[in-house]
Amino acid sequence: MYITVLDFTEGRVFQYDVSTYELYRVDEEYPTTQQIEDFLVGEGHRINDCEWMSHSDGEIITDKAEI
């Protein structure tokens, strides 16, 4: 599982691989919203200035769109 964060304060996109962090107890299948948001605050993000999503595919698509 991955967490991707659009951080408006930094003007950057962050992606975290949940398997490398201890976000939740071993007996739980997925972390709760509160556990994720606590983790993000610990990483220095301001929740009110971010949008985040959890997902299973870690691929990052960087194709440039033509306008």
PDB file of N, CA and C in Angstrom:
ATOM      1  N   MET A   1       0.838  -1.173   0.000  1.00  0.00           N
ATOM      2  CA  MET A   1       0.000   0.000   0.000  1.00  0.00           C
ATOM      3  C   MET A   1       0.886   1.241   0.000  1.00  0.00           C
ATOM      4  N   TYR A   2       0.451   2.243  -0.714  1.00  0.00           N
ATOM      5  CA  TYR A   2       1.169   3.502  -0.820  1.00  0.00           C
ATOM      6  C   TYR A   2       0.268   4.650  -0.396  1.00  0.00           C
ATOM      7  N   ILE A   3       0.896   5.730   0.049  1.00  0.00           N
ATOM      8  CA  ILE A   3       0.184   6.966   0.346  1.00  0.00           C
ATOM      9  C   ILE A   3       0.836   8.046  -0.503  1.00  0.00           C
ATOM     10  N   THR A   4       0.036   8.707  -1.317  1.00  0.00           N
ATOM     11  CA  THR A   4       0.526   9.816  -2.130  1.00  0.00           C
ATOM     12  C   THR A   4      -0.063  11.099  -1.580  1.00  0.00           C
ATOM     13  N   VAL A   5       0.797  12.089  -1.395  1.00  0.00           N
ATOM     14  CA  VAL A   5       0.410  13.348  -0.765  1.00  0.00           C
ATOM     15  C   VAL A   5       0.679  14.498  -1.723  1.00  0.00           C
ATOM     16  N   LEU A   6      -0.334  15.303  -1.962  1.00  0.00           N
ATOM     17  CA  LEU A   6      -0.182  16.551  -2.707  1.00  0.00           C
ATOM     18  C   LEU A   6      -0.087  17.646  -1.655  1.00  0.00           C
ATOM     19  N   ASP A   7       1.129  18.138  -1.437  1.00  0.00           N
ATOM     20  CA  ASP A   7       1.392  19.102  -0.366  1.00  0.00           C
ATOM     21  C   ASP A   7       1.439  20.506  -0.962  1.00  0.00           C
ATOM     22  N   PHE A   8       0.405  21.300  -0.699  1.00  0.00           N
ATOM     23  CA  PHE A   8       0.306  22.643  -1.255  1.00  0.00           C
ATOM     24  C   PHE A   8       1.298  23.608  -0.621  1.00  0.00           C
ATOM     25  N   THR A   9       1.691  23.380   0.623  1.00  0.00           N
ATOM     26  CA  THR A   9       2.665  24.238   1.283  1.00  0.00           C
ATOM     27  C   THR A   9       4.031  24.099   0.613  1.00  0.00           C
ATOM     28  N   GLU A  10       4.419  22.872   0.325  1.00  0.00           N
ATOM     29  CA  GLU A  10       5.711  22.596  -0.305  1.00  0.00           C
ATOM     30  C   GLU A  10       5.656  22.728  -1.826  1.00  0.00           C
ATOM     31  N   GLY A  11       4.466  22.608  -2.385  1.00  0.00           N
ATOM     32  CA  GLY A  11       4.329  22.607  -3.836  1.00  0.00           C
ATOM     33  C   GLY A  11       4.944  21.360  -4.452  1.00  0.00           C
ATOM     34  N   ARG A  12       4.835  20.239  -3.726  1.00  0.00           N
ATOM     35  CA  ARG A  12       5.445  18.988  -4.160  1.00  0.00           C
ATOM     36  C   ARG A  12       4.490  17.822  -3.923  1.00  0.00           C
ATOM     37  N   VAL A  13       4.794  16.717  -4.598  1.00  0.00           N
ATOM     38  CA  VAL A  13       4.055  15.475  -4.407  1.00  0.00           C
ATOM     39  C   VAL A  13       4.989  14.489  -3.716  1.00  0.00           C
ATOM     40  N   PHE A  14       4.499  13.838  -2.671  1.00  0.00           N
ATOM     41  CA  PHE A  14       5.271  12.851  -1.919  1.00  0.00           C
ATOM     42  C   PHE A  14       4.578  11.507  -2.040  1.00  0.00           C
ATOM     43  N   GLN A  15       5.352  10.438  -2.070  1.00  0.00           N
ATOM     44  CA  GLN A  15       4.773   9.099  -2.051  1.00  0.00           C
ATOM     45  C   GLN A  15       5.506   8.268  -1.014  1.00  0.00           C
ATOM     46  N   TYR A  16       4.737   7.623  -0.148  1.00  0.00           N
ATOM     47  CA  TYR A  16       5.282   6.793   0.916  1.00  0.00           C
ATOM     48  C   TYR A  16       4.842   5.355   0.709  1.00  0.00           C
ATOM     49  N   ASP A  17       5.779   4.436   0.831  1.00  0.00           N
ATOM     50  CA  ASP A  17       5.490   3.002   0.795  1.00  0.00           C
ATOM     51  C   ASP A  17       5.186   2.577   2.226  1.00  0.00           C
ATOM     52  N   VAL A  18       3.935   2.264   2.504  1.00  0.00           N
ATOM     53  CA  VAL A  18       3.492   1.956   3.866  1.00  0.00           C
ATOM     54  C   VAL A  18       4.259   0.774   4.463  1.00  0.00           C
ATOM     55  N   SER A  19       4.715  -0.146   3.617  1.00  0.00           N
ATOM     56  CA  SER A  19       5.407  -1.328   4.143  1.00  0.00           C
ATOM     57  C   SER A  19       6.728  -0.975   4.822  1.00  0.00           C
ATOM     58  N   THR A  20       7.288   0.194   4.532  1.00  0.00           N
ATOM     59  CA  THR A  20       8.552   0.583   5.160  1.00  0.00           C
ATOM     60  C   THR A  20       8.350   1.351   6.463  1.00  0.00           C
ATOM     61  N   TYR A  21       7.124   1.648   6.801  1.00  0.00           N
ATOM     62  CA  TYR A  21       6.803   2.377   8.029  1.00  0.00           C
ATOM     63  C   TYR A  21       5.885   1.524   8.887  1.00  0.00           C
ATOM     64  N   GLU A  22       5.961   1.709  10.181  1.00  0.00           N
ATOM     65  CA  GLU A  22       5.071   0.991  11.090  1.00  0.00           C
ATOM     66  C   GLU A  22       3.859   1.867  11.386  1.00  0.00           C
ATOM     67  N   LEU A  23       2.937   1.918  10.443  1.00  0.00           N
ATOM     68  CA  LEU A  23       1.768   2.786  10.573  1.00  0.00           C
ATOM     69  C   LEU A  23       0.638   2.151  11.370  1.00  0.00           C
ATOM     70  N   TYR A  24       0.583   0.838  11.380  1.00  0.00           N
ATOM     71  CA  TYR A  24      -0.561   0.182  12.004  1.00  0.00           C
ATOM     72  C   TYR A  24      -0.122  -1.160  12.569  1.00  0.00           C
ATOM     73  N   ARG A  25      -0.952  -1.708  13.413  1.00  0.00           N
ATOM     74  CA  ARG A  25      -0.640  -2.975  14.078  1.00  0.00           C
ATOM     75  C   ARG A  25      -0.658  -4.118  13.069  1.00  0.00           C
ATOM     76  N   VAL A  26       0.119  -5.121  13.356  1.00  0.00           N
ATOM     77  CA  VAL A  26       0.247  -6.276  12.466  1.00  0.00           C
ATOM     78  C   VAL A  26      -1.090  -6.987  12.264  1.00  0.00           C
ATOM     79  N   ASP A  27      -1.959  -6.980  13.270  1.00  0.00           N
ATOM     80  CA  ASP A  27      -3.231  -7.692  13.158  1.00  0.00           C
ATOM     81  C   ASP A  27      -4.290  -6.916  12.364  1.00  0.00           C
ATOM     82  N   GLU A  28      -3.965  -5.707  11.905  1.00  0.00           N
ATOM     83  CA  GLU A  28      -4.885  -4.921  11.087  1.00  0.00           C
ATOM     84  C   GLU A  28      -4.488  -5.051   9.616  1.00  0.00           C
ATOM     85  N   GLU A  29      -5.473  -5.045   8.736  1.00  0.00           N
ATOM     86  CA  GLU A  29      -5.170  -5.168   7.311  1.00  0.00           C
ATOM     87  C   GLU A  29      -4.651  -3.857   6.727  1.00  0.00           C
ATOM     88  N   TYR A  30      -5.261  -2.734   7.134  1.00  0.00           N
ATOM     89  CA  TYR A  30      -4.872  -1.428   6.616  1.00  0.00           C
ATOM     90  C   TYR A  30      -4.847  -0.416   7.758  1.00  0.00           C
ATOM     91  N   PRO A  31      -4.062   0.649   7.614  1.00  0.00           N
ATOM     92  CA  PRO A  31      -4.101   1.701   8.638  1.00  0.00           C
ATOM     93  C   PRO A  31      -5.404   2.495   8.539  1.00  0.00           C
ATOM     94  N   THR A  32      -5.810   3.069   9.655  1.00  0.00           N
ATOM     95  CA  THR A  32      -6.997   3.921   9.676  1.00  0.00           C
ATOM     96  C   THR A  32      -6.632   5.311   9.146  1.00  0.00           C
ATOM     97  N   THR A  33      -7.650   6.092   8.835  1.00  0.00           N
ATOM     98  CA  THR A  33      -7.431   7.470   8.403  1.00  0.00           C
ATOM     99  C   THR A  33      -6.652   8.237   9.457  1.00  0.00           C
ATOM    100  N   GLN A  34      -7.006   8.054  10.720  1.00  0.00           N
ATOM    101  CA  GLN A  34      -6.314   8.763  11.793  1.00  0.00           C
ATOM    102  C   GLN A  34      -4.848   8.348  11.868  1.00  0.00           C
ATOM    103  N   GLN A  35      -4.546   7.064  11.702  1.00  0.00           N
ATOM    104  CA  GLN A  35      -3.162   6.595  11.723  1.00  0.00           C
ATOM    105  C   GLN A  35      -2.366   7.203  10.567  1.00  0.00           C
ATOM    106  N   ILE A  36      -2.971   7.277   9.400  1.00  0.00           N
ATOM    107  CA  ILE A  36      -2.293   7.870   8.247  1.00  0.00           C
ATOM    108  C   ILE A  36      -2.044   9.358   8.479  1.00  0.00           C
ATOM    109  N   GLU A  37      -3.055  10.065   8.952  1.00  0.00           N
ATOM    110  CA  GLU A  37      -2.886  11.495   9.168  1.00  0.00           C
ATOM    111  C   GLU A  37      -1.876  11.780  10.270  1.00  0.00           C
ATOM    112  N   ASP A  38      -1.836  10.973  11.312  1.00  0.00           N
ATOM    113  CA  ASP A  38      -0.809  11.123  12.356  1.00  0.00           C
ATOM    114  C   ASP A  38       0.586  10.910  11.771  1.00  0.00           C
ATOM    115  N   PHE A  39       0.709   9.913  10.909  1.00  0.00           N
ATOM    116  CA  PHE A  39       1.982   9.652  10.240  1.00  0.00           C
ATOM    117  C   PHE A  39       2.400  10.854   9.387  1.00  0.00           C
ATOM    118  N   LEU A  40       1.472  11.391   8.606  1.00  0.00           N
ATOM    119  CA  LEU A  40       1.789  12.511   7.733  1.00  0.00           C
ATOM    120  C   LEU A  40       2.217  13.745   8.527  1.00  0.00           C
ATOM    121  N   VAL A  41       1.544  14.012   9.632  1.00  0.00           N
ATOM    122  CA  VAL A  41       1.943  15.121  10.503  1.00  0.00           C
ATOM    123  C   VAL A  41       3.358  14.875  11.029  1.00  0.00           C
ATOM    124  N   GLY A  42       3.653  13.646  11.406  1.00  0.00           N
ATOM    125  CA  GLY A  42       4.995  13.291  11.869  1.00  0.00           C
ATOM    126  C   GLY A  42       6.058  13.478  10.807  1.00  0.00           C
ATOM    127  N   GLU A  43       5.663  13.381   9.542  1.00  0.00           N
ATOM    128  CA  GLU A  43       6.591  13.589   8.426  1.00  0.00           C
ATOM    129  C   GLU A  43       6.708  15.070   8.060  1.00  0.00           C
ATOM    130  N   GLY A  44       5.974  15.938   8.768  1.00  0.00           N
ATOM    131  CA  GLY A  44       6.084  17.370   8.552  1.00  0.00           C
ATOM    132  C   GLY A  44       5.012  17.984   7.673  1.00  0.00           C
ATOM    133  N   HIS A  45       4.008  17.207   7.297  1.00  0.00           N
ATOM    134  CA  HIS A  45       2.924  17.747   6.478  1.00  0.00           C
ATOM    135  C   HIS A  45       1.889  18.413   7.367  1.00  0.00           C
ATOM    136  N   ARG A  46       1.256  19.455   6.844  1.00  0.00           N
ATOM    137  CA  ARG A  46       0.138  20.104   7.526  1.00  0.00           C
ATOM    138  C   ARG A  46      -1.125  19.597   6.858  1.00  0.00           C
ATOM    139  N   ILE A  47      -1.916  18.833   7.590  1.00  0.00           N
ATOM    140  CA  ILE A  47      -3.084  18.147   7.030  1.00  0.00           C
ATOM    141  C   ILE A  47      -4.037  19.108   6.327  1.00  0.00           C
ATOM    142  N   ASN A  48      -4.210  20.304   6.858  1.00  0.00           N
ATOM    143  CA  ASN A  48      -5.128  21.269   6.236  1.00  0.00           C
ATOM    144  C   ASN A  48      -4.604  21.810   4.909  1.00  0.00           C
ATOM    145  N   ASP A  49      -3.323  21.590   4.624  1.00  0.00           N
ATOM    146  CA  ASP A  49      -2.711  22.085   3.391  1.00  0.00           C
ATOM    147  C   ASP A  49      -2.331  20.946   2.450  1.00  0.00           C
ATOM    148  N   CYS A  50      -2.943  19.794   2.634  1.00  0.00           N
ATOM    149  CA  CYS A  50      -2.608  18.617   1.833  1.00  0.00           C
ATOM    150  C   CYS A  50      -3.876  17.900   1.365  1.00  0.00           C
ATOM    151  N   GLU A  51      -3.707  17.172   0.294  1.00  0.00           N
ATOM    152  CA  GLU A  51      -4.670  16.155  -0.123  1.00  0.00           C
ATOM    153  C   GLU A  51      -3.873  14.870  -0.189  1.00  0.00           C
ATOM    154  N   TRP A  52      -4.451  13.769   0.265  1.00  0.00           N
ATOM    155  CA  TRP A  52      -3.735  12.507   0.208  1.00  0.00           C
ATOM    156  C   TRP A  52      -4.670  11.384  -0.200  1.00  0.00           C
ATOM    157  N   MET A  53      -4.072  10.323  -0.703  1.00  0.00           N
ATOM    158  CA  MET A  53      -4.845   9.130  -1.036  1.00  0.00           C
ATOM    159  C   MET A  53      -3.986   7.913  -0.779  1.00  0.00           C
ATOM    160  N   SER A  54      -4.639   6.817  -0.458  1.00  0.00           N
ATOM    161  CA  SER A  54      -3.938   5.537  -0.326  1.00  0.00           C
ATOM    162  C   SER A  54      -4.304   4.692  -1.541  1.00  0.00           C
ATOM    163  N   HIS A  55      -3.356   3.863  -1.972  1.00  0.00           N
ATOM    164  CA  HIS A  55      -3.566   3.051  -3.168  1.00  0.00           C
ATOM    165  C   HIS A  55      -2.575   1.908  -3.195  1.00  0.00           C
ATOM    166  N   SER A  56      -2.832   0.932  -4.055  1.00  0.00           N
ATOM    167  CA  SER A  56      -1.991  -0.262  -4.088  1.00  0.00           C
ATOM    168  C   SER A  56      -0.925  -0.227  -5.179  1.00  0.00           C
ATOM    169  N   ASP A  57      -1.055   0.630  -6.172  1.00  0.00           N
ATOM    170  CA  ASP A  57      -0.107   0.689  -7.280  1.00  0.00           C
ATOM    171  C   ASP A  57       0.898   1.811  -7.029  1.00  0.00           C
ATOM    172  N   GLY A  58       2.173   1.458  -6.960  1.00  0.00           N
ATOM    173  CA  GLY A  58       3.202   2.452  -6.669  1.00  0.00           C
ATOM    174  C   GLY A  58       3.778   3.141  -7.891  1.00  0.00           C
ATOM    175  N   GLU A  59       3.238   2.831  -9.081  1.00  0.00           N
ATOM    176  CA  GLU A  59       3.768   3.436 -10.297  1.00  0.00           C
ATOM    177  C   GLU A  59       3.481   4.941 -10.300  1.00  0.00           C
ATOM    178  N   ILE A  60       4.491   5.705 -10.701  1.00  0.00           N
ATOM    179  CA  ILE A  60       4.335   7.149 -10.838  1.00  0.00           C
ATOM    180  C   ILE A  60       4.367   7.463 -12.324  1.00  0.00           C
ATOM    181  N   ILE A  61       3.339   8.128 -12.799  1.00  0.00           N
ATOM    182  CA  ILE A  61       3.244   8.483 -14.213  1.00  0.00           C
ATOM    183  C   ILE A  61       3.683   9.936 -14.361  1.00  0.00           C
ATOM    184  N   THR A  62       4.675  10.160 -15.197  1.00  0.00           N
ATOM    185  CA  THR A  62       5.232  11.517 -15.322  1.00  0.00           C
ATOM    186  C   THR A  62       5.106  12.051 -16.744  1.00  0.00           C
ATOM    187  N   ASP A  63       4.208  11.505 -17.523  1.00  0.00           N
ATOM    188  CA  ASP A  63       4.020  11.981 -18.903  1.00  0.00           C
ATOM    189  C   ASP A  63       3.595  13.438 -18.895  1.00  0.00           C
ATOM    190  N   LYS A  64       4.152  14.197 -19.821  1.00  0.00           N
ATOM    191  CA  LYS A  64       3.778  15.600 -19.930  1.00  0.00           C
ATOM    192  C   LYS A  64       2.582  15.729 -20.861  1.00  0.00           C
ATOM    193  N   ALA A  65       1.600  16.458 -20.421  1.00  0.00           N
ATOM    194  CA  ALA A  65       0.403  16.668 -21.231  1.00  0.00           C
ATOM    195  C   ALA A  65       0.658  17.786 -22.239  1.00  0.00           C
ATOM    196  N   GLU A  66       0.096  17.662 -23.407  1.00  0.00           N
ATOM    197  CA  GLU A  66       0.183  18.703 -24.402  1.00  0.00           C
ATOM    198  C   GLU A  66      -1.026  19.624 -24.266  1.00  0.00           C
ATOM    199  N   ILE A  67      -0.772  20.900 -24.276  1.00  0.00           N
ATOM    200  CA  ILE A  67      -1.851  21.887 -24.125  1.00  0.00           C
ATOM    201  C   ILE A  67      -2.122  22.541 -25.452  1.00  0.00           C
TER     202      ILE A  67
END
